[in-house]
Amino acid sequence: MSEQQPWQWDEQTWRGHVARVRAGRSLRPATWPGGARVAVALSFDADHETIPLRDGETRPGKLAQGEYGSRVGSPRVLRLLERFGIPASFFMPAVSALLHPEEVRAYAAAGHEVAMHGWIHESNLSLDPADERELAFRAADTLEKLTGTRPVGIRTPAWEFSDHTLAITRELGLRYDSSLMADDEPYELLADGEPTGIVEIPVEWIRDDVPYLLMEYGGTLRTCPSPRDVGVIWRDEFDAALEDGGLFQLTMHPHVIGHRSRMIVLRELLEHIDAQDGVWYATHAQIADYVLNHPST
């Protein structure tokens, strides 16, 4: 008998799929630390060479594009964060960290968070549960060995969340995930309707540099917008979060944002944010810990 098509599912089936991983209670706090009006959580996915390696691409061209992220992009990012005194979260595939151990140690030494981002930026949706689990535990062990601190959060590679990802996240004892998109504000993840205690710090393609700024030869033909146009979108996102008293979360990649014209836009965005009163800069781990321990609205 052939597998049923979605339009043939009964109500129990489609409700079961929807309920497997769901947004639970809002964890938006009544106030941010020190009476801050907005929380700002900057993140950088330090993928580097793992994107081509994941796809079996081992020739120098694509690897060099990834290497730029470590050789040039990450140092620029670190200098800018130091200039503003801002902590950030760096989500790093374990293979990337093994290729660049001094880089991942530099993140930790500067007081930034190092969090999980897969083993080799693998596709969770193409893995069986045992392989996904083994790679996740191997990645956590690797980051702990390199930094001296066990990671407490995860961003799945390419934000791919399989039917087994949440169970693996819970088994790892992680406090938060940052891969899903059900809200603007932090919320608790539900597993089949049951609270998990795991914080979701939601992401969005709107607040990611790749859709706007990654130029791929031979890929889908499109015109990249001016970096300054992207800066306007991100500034509007921040201004709206400030008005709402909520969270402004931003996802970037050193091999994308780390180019000169893009770094100018990030600097100008941070100048705008820094000029406002009542801004709390925090890592994703700090956001997760705070919202778990303070009453939500």
Protein backbone atom coordinates (compact mmCIF):
# COMPACT_ATOMS: atom_id res chain seq x y z
CA MET A 1 0.00 0.00 0.00
CA SER A 2 1.41 3.36 -1.01
CA GLU A 3 2.04 6.08 1.56
CA GLN A 4 -0.85 8.45 2.07
CA GLN A 5 -0.69 11.93 0.60
CA PRO A 6 -1.10 14.85 3.01
CA TRP A 7 -4.58 15.57 1.71
CA GLN A 8 -5.54 12.01 2.70
CA TRP A 9 -4.40 12.32 6.33
CA ASP A 10 -7.02 12.11 9.04
CA GLU A 11 -7.18 14.81 11.70
CA GLN A 12 -5.17 12.81 14.24
CA THR A 13 -2.31 12.47 11.76
CA TRP A 14 -1.95 16.11 10.76
CA ARG A 15 -2.46 17.30 14.32
CA GLY A 16 0.25 14.90 15.45
CA HIS A 17 2.75 16.28 12.95
CA VAL A 18 2.02 19.85 14.01
CA ALA A 19 2.24 19.06 17.73
CA ARG A 20 5.57 17.20 17.62
CA VAL A 21 7.61 20.38 18.23
CA ARG A 22 5.55 23.43 19.02
CA ALA A 23 5.84 26.87 20.60
CA GLY A 24 4.72 26.87 24.21
CA ARG A 25 4.43 29.68 26.71
CA SER A 26 6.00 32.99 25.89
CA LEU A 27 9.16 33.64 27.86
CA ARG A 28 9.25 37.33 27.14
CA PRO A 29 10.10 38.90 30.51
CA ALA A 30 8.21 41.75 32.07
CA THR A 31 11.49 43.67 32.23
CA TRP A 32 15.05 43.19 31.02
CA PRO A 33 18.04 43.47 33.39
CA GLY A 34 18.53 46.90 34.92
CA GLY A 35 15.29 48.14 33.43
CA ALA A 36 16.64 47.91 29.88
CA ARG A 37 14.11 48.62 27.14
CA VAL A 38 15.43 46.05 24.65
CA ALA A 39 17.69 43.00 24.58
CA VAL A 40 20.20 42.67 21.74
CA ALA A 41 21.58 39.21 20.93
CA LEU A 42 24.17 39.14 18.14
CA SER A 43 25.24 35.80 16.71
CA PHE A 44 27.77 34.61 14.16
CA ASP A 45 27.75 31.19 12.51
CA ALA A 46 31.43 30.42 11.96
CA ASP A 47 30.87 27.85 9.21
CA HIS A 48 34.03 28.55 7.22
CA GLU A 49 35.11 25.51 5.15
CA THR A 50 32.38 23.19 6.43
CA ILE A 51 29.78 24.25 3.86
CA PRO A 52 31.72 22.90 0.85
CA LEU A 53 33.11 19.96 2.86
CA ARG A 54 29.58 18.92 3.83
CA ASP A 55 28.72 18.74 0.15
CA GLY A 56 31.84 16.75 -0.70
CA GLU A 57 33.42 19.77 -2.42
CA THR A 58 37.15 19.52 -1.74
CA ARG A 59 38.62 21.73 -4.46
CA PRO A 60 40.46 24.90 -3.42
CA GLY A 61 38.00 27.47 -4.77
CA LYS A 62 35.06 26.91 -2.43
CA LEU A 63 37.35 26.08 0.48
CA ALA A 64 39.12 29.41 0.03
CA GLN A 65 35.80 31.25 0.19
CA GLY A 66 35.16 29.58 3.53
CA GLU A 67 38.71 30.18 4.72
CA TYR A 68 38.13 33.91 4.27
CA GLY A 69 35.68 33.76 7.16
CA SER A 70 38.38 32.60 9.56
CA ARG A 71 41.36 34.43 8.10
CA VAL A 72 39.73 37.84 7.60
CA GLY A 73 36.07 37.93 8.65
CA SER A 74 36.29 36.64 12.21
CA PRO A 75 39.16 38.95 13.26
CA ARG A 76 37.22 41.92 11.91
CA VAL A 77 34.13 40.83 13.82
CA LEU A 78 36.08 40.40 17.04
CA ARG A 79 37.67 43.85 16.71
CA LEU A 80 34.28 45.47 16.16
CA LEU A 81 32.72 43.70 19.12
CA GLU A 82 35.66 44.74 21.30
CA ARG A 83 35.28 48.34 20.17
CA PHE A 84 31.66 48.42 21.36
CA GLY A 85 32.16 46.11 24.35
CA ILE A 86 29.47 43.75 23.11
CA PRO A 87 29.26 40.02 23.93
CA ALA A 88 28.11 37.71 21.15
CA SER A 89 27.35 34.06 20.50
CA PHE A 90 29.44 32.12 17.99
CA PHE A 91 27.80 28.97 16.65
CA MET A 92 30.60 26.82 15.26
CA PRO A 93 30.59 23.42 13.56
CA ALA A 94 33.05 21.15 15.34
CA VAL A 95 35.07 20.54 12.16
CA SER A 96 35.41 24.31 11.75
CA ALA A 97 36.65 24.58 15.32
CA LEU A 98 39.16 21.76 14.76
CA LEU A 99 40.44 23.50 11.63
CA HIS A 100 40.77 26.80 13.52
CA PRO A 101 41.41 26.00 17.20
CA GLU A 102 43.00 29.37 17.95
CA GLU A 103 39.93 31.11 16.59
CA VAL A 104 37.47 29.25 18.80
CA ARG A 105 39.73 29.79 21.80
CA ALA A 106 39.85 33.51 20.96
CA TYR A 107 36.05 33.68 21.10
CA ALA A 108 36.02 32.12 24.55
CA ALA A 109 38.96 34.20 25.80
CA ALA A 110 37.15 37.40 24.79
CA GLY A 111 34.12 36.42 26.85
CA HIS A 112 31.90 35.37 23.96
CA GLU A 113 29.73 32.29 23.95
CA VAL A 114 30.68 29.28 21.82
CA ALA A 115 27.65 27.14 20.98
CA MET A 116 26.87 24.10 18.86
CA HIS A 117 26.28 24.18 15.11
CA GLY A 118 26.64 20.55 14.09
CA TRP A 119 29.69 18.47 13.29
CA ILE A 120 30.40 19.40 9.65
CA HIS A 121 27.29 21.53 8.99
CA GLU A 122 25.49 18.30 8.11
CA SER A 123 21.85 18.13 7.06
CA ASN A 124 19.89 16.72 10.00
CA LEU A 125 16.98 15.97 7.70
CA SER A 126 19.09 13.46 5.75
CA LEU A 127 20.44 11.60 8.81
CA ASP A 128 19.01 8.65 10.67
CA PRO A 129 18.44 9.30 14.42
CA ALA A 130 21.53 7.37 15.54
CA ASP A 131 23.85 9.34 13.26
CA GLU A 132 22.30 12.68 14.22
CA ARG A 133 22.74 11.83 17.90
CA GLU A 134 26.32 10.61 17.49
CA LEU A 135 27.39 13.72 15.58
CA ALA A 136 25.71 16.02 18.12
CA PHE A 137 27.45 14.42 21.09
CA ARG A 138 30.77 14.37 19.23
CA ALA A 139 30.40 18.07 18.42
CA ALA A 140 29.59 18.99 22.03
CA ASP A 141 32.62 17.03 23.29
CA THR A 142 34.89 18.71 20.73
CA LEU A 143 33.83 22.25 21.62
CA GLU A 144 34.21 21.50 25.31
CA LYS A 145 37.71 20.13 24.76
CA LEU A 146 38.79 23.17 22.74
CA THR A 147 37.24 25.88 24.93
CA GLY A 148 37.13 24.29 28.36
CA THR A 149 33.39 24.94 28.62
CA ARG A 150 30.53 22.64 27.72
CA PRO A 151 28.15 24.35 25.26
CA VAL A 152 24.66 25.07 26.58
CA GLY A 153 22.93 25.94 23.31
CA ILE A 154 22.54 24.78 19.74
CA ARG A 155 21.71 26.19 16.34
CA THR A 156 21.10 23.36 13.94
CA PRO A 157 23.00 23.56 10.64
CA ALA A 158 20.89 25.46 8.09
CA TRP A 159 18.18 25.58 10.80
CA GLU A 160 17.15 22.04 9.84
CA PHE A 161 15.16 20.48 12.68
CA SER A 162 14.39 16.77 12.30
CA ASP A 163 11.78 14.75 14.16
CA HIS A 164 14.57 13.68 16.55
CA THR A 165 16.46 16.95 17.08
CA LEU A 166 14.54 18.05 20.16
CA ALA A 167 14.98 14.71 21.90
CA ILE A 168 18.73 14.83 21.23
CA THR A 169 18.86 18.41 22.48
CA ARG A 170 17.19 17.34 25.70
CA GLU A 171 19.50 14.35 26.12
CA LEU A 172 22.50 16.66 25.73
CA GLY A 173 21.15 18.77 28.59
CA LEU A 174 21.17 21.95 26.53
CA ARG A 175 19.31 24.99 27.85
CA TYR A 176 18.29 26.56 24.57
CA ASP A 177 17.88 26.16 20.83
CA SER A 178 18.11 28.91 18.21
CA SER A 179 16.82 27.34 14.99
CA LEU A 180 13.05 27.90 14.86
CA MET A 181 10.82 30.80 13.89
CA ALA A 182 7.48 30.72 15.75
CA ASP A 183 7.79 34.13 17.44
CA ASP A 184 9.79 37.34 17.71
CA GLU A 185 10.39 36.72 21.41
CA PRO A 186 11.83 33.76 23.35
CA TYR A 187 9.45 30.92 24.11
CA GLU A 188 9.47 27.46 25.65
CA LEU A 189 9.57 24.45 23.35
CA LEU A 190 6.83 21.82 23.64
CA ALA A 191 7.33 18.18 22.71
CA ASP A 192 4.01 16.55 21.78
CA GLY A 193 2.24 19.14 23.88
CA GLU A 194 4.46 18.77 26.95
CA PRO A 195 6.74 21.57 28.23
CA THR A 196 10.45 20.80 27.87
CA GLY A 197 12.08 23.62 29.84
CA ILE A 198 14.16 24.40 26.75
CA VAL A 199 14.19 28.02 25.59
CA GLU A 200 13.79 28.83 21.91
CA ILE A 201 15.57 32.03 20.86
CA PRO A 202 13.92 32.45 17.49
CA VAL A 203 15.72 33.27 14.28
CA GLU A 204 14.39 34.63 10.99
CA TRP A 205 15.73 34.93 7.45
CA ILE A 206 14.88 38.65 7.64
CA ARG A 207 17.56 38.98 10.33
CA ASP A 208 20.21 36.87 8.56
CA ASP A 209 22.94 38.12 6.23
CA VAL A 210 23.00 35.15 3.84
CA PRO A 211 19.73 35.75 1.92
CA TYR A 212 20.74 39.32 1.16
CA LEU A 213 24.51 39.31 0.84
CA LEU A 214 25.87 35.90 -0.17
CA MET A 215 26.94 35.92 -3.82
CA GLU A 216 27.31 32.44 -5.34
CA TYR A 217 28.70 31.97 -8.83
CA GLY A 218 26.71 29.33 -10.63
CA GLY A 219 23.89 29.50 -8.10
CA THR A 220 20.46 31.01 -8.47
CA LEU A 221 20.72 34.21 -10.48
CA ARG A 222 19.72 37.15 -8.35
CA THR A 223 20.78 40.67 -7.63
CA CYS A 224 22.18 41.23 -4.16
CA PRO A 225 20.83 44.39 -2.57
CA SER A 226 23.12 47.16 -1.47
CA PRO A 227 24.49 46.39 2.00
CA ARG A 228 23.12 49.74 3.13
CA ASP A 229 19.61 48.64 2.12
CA VAL A 230 20.04 45.59 4.35
CA GLY A 231 21.19 47.90 7.12
CA VAL A 232 17.89 49.78 6.85
CA ILE A 233 15.92 46.54 7.32
CA TRP A 234 17.94 45.54 10.36
CA ARG A 235 17.70 49.03 11.84
CA ASP A 236 13.92 48.95 11.45
CA GLU A 237 13.83 45.51 13.11
CA PHE A 238 15.82 46.87 16.05
CA ASP A 239 13.72 50.03 16.34
CA ALA A 240 10.53 47.95 16.43
CA ALA A 241 11.99 45.65 19.09
CA LEU A 242 12.96 48.72 21.12
CA GLU A 243 9.43 50.10 20.84
CA ASP A 244 7.95 46.72 21.85
CA GLY A 245 10.38 46.21 24.71
CA GLY A 246 11.41 42.91 23.19
CA LEU A 247 14.36 41.03 21.73
CA PHE A 248 16.47 41.97 18.71
CA GLN A 249 18.32 38.86 17.52
CA LEU A 250 20.64 38.91 14.51
CA THR A 251 22.36 36.03 12.68
CA MET A 252 25.50 36.65 10.64
CA HIS A 253 28.38 34.69 9.12
CA PRO A 254 32.02 35.85 9.18
CA HIS A 255 32.54 34.84 5.54
CA VAL A 256 29.55 37.00 4.53
CA ILE A 257 29.36 39.96 6.93
CA GLY A 258 33.15 40.08 7.27
CA HIS A 259 33.75 41.82 3.92
CA ARG A 260 34.60 45.51 4.02
CA SER A 261 31.38 46.95 2.66
CA ARG A 262 29.31 44.73 4.92
CA MET A 263 31.31 45.52 8.04
CA ILE A 264 30.64 49.21 7.47
CA VAL A 265 26.91 48.50 7.62
CA LEU A 266 27.25 46.40 10.78
CA ARG A 267 29.32 49.14 12.39
CA GLU A 268 26.70 51.75 11.53
CA LEU A 269 23.94 49.51 12.91
CA LEU A 270 25.82 49.12 16.19
CA GLU A 271 26.41 52.86 16.35
CA HIS A 272 22.65 53.39 16.02
CA ILE A 273 21.88 50.76 18.69
CA ASP A 274 24.54 52.11 21.02
CA ALA A 275 23.08 55.61 20.81
CA GLN A 276 19.82 54.44 22.39
CA ASP A 277 19.14 54.34 26.11
CA GLY A 278 18.24 51.08 27.81
CA VAL A 279 19.99 48.47 25.65
CA TRP A 280 21.04 45.16 27.18
CA TYR A 281 23.63 43.30 25.07
CA ALA A 282 23.68 39.61 25.87
CA THR A 283 24.75 36.25 24.56
CA HIS A 284 22.07 33.76 23.63
CA ALA A 285 22.93 31.76 26.76
CA GLN A 286 22.43 34.86 28.92
CA ILE A 287 19.08 35.54 27.25
CA ALA A 288 17.97 31.95 27.87
CA ASP A 289 19.01 32.00 31.52
CA TYR A 290 17.33 35.33 32.16
CA VAL A 291 13.96 34.54 30.58
CA LEU A 292 13.78 31.18 32.38
CA ASN A 293 14.22 32.86 35.74
CA HIS A 294 12.02 35.94 35.38
CA PRO A 295 8.25 36.20 35.02
CA SER A 296 6.97 36.54 31.50
CA THR A 297 4.36 39.08 30.41
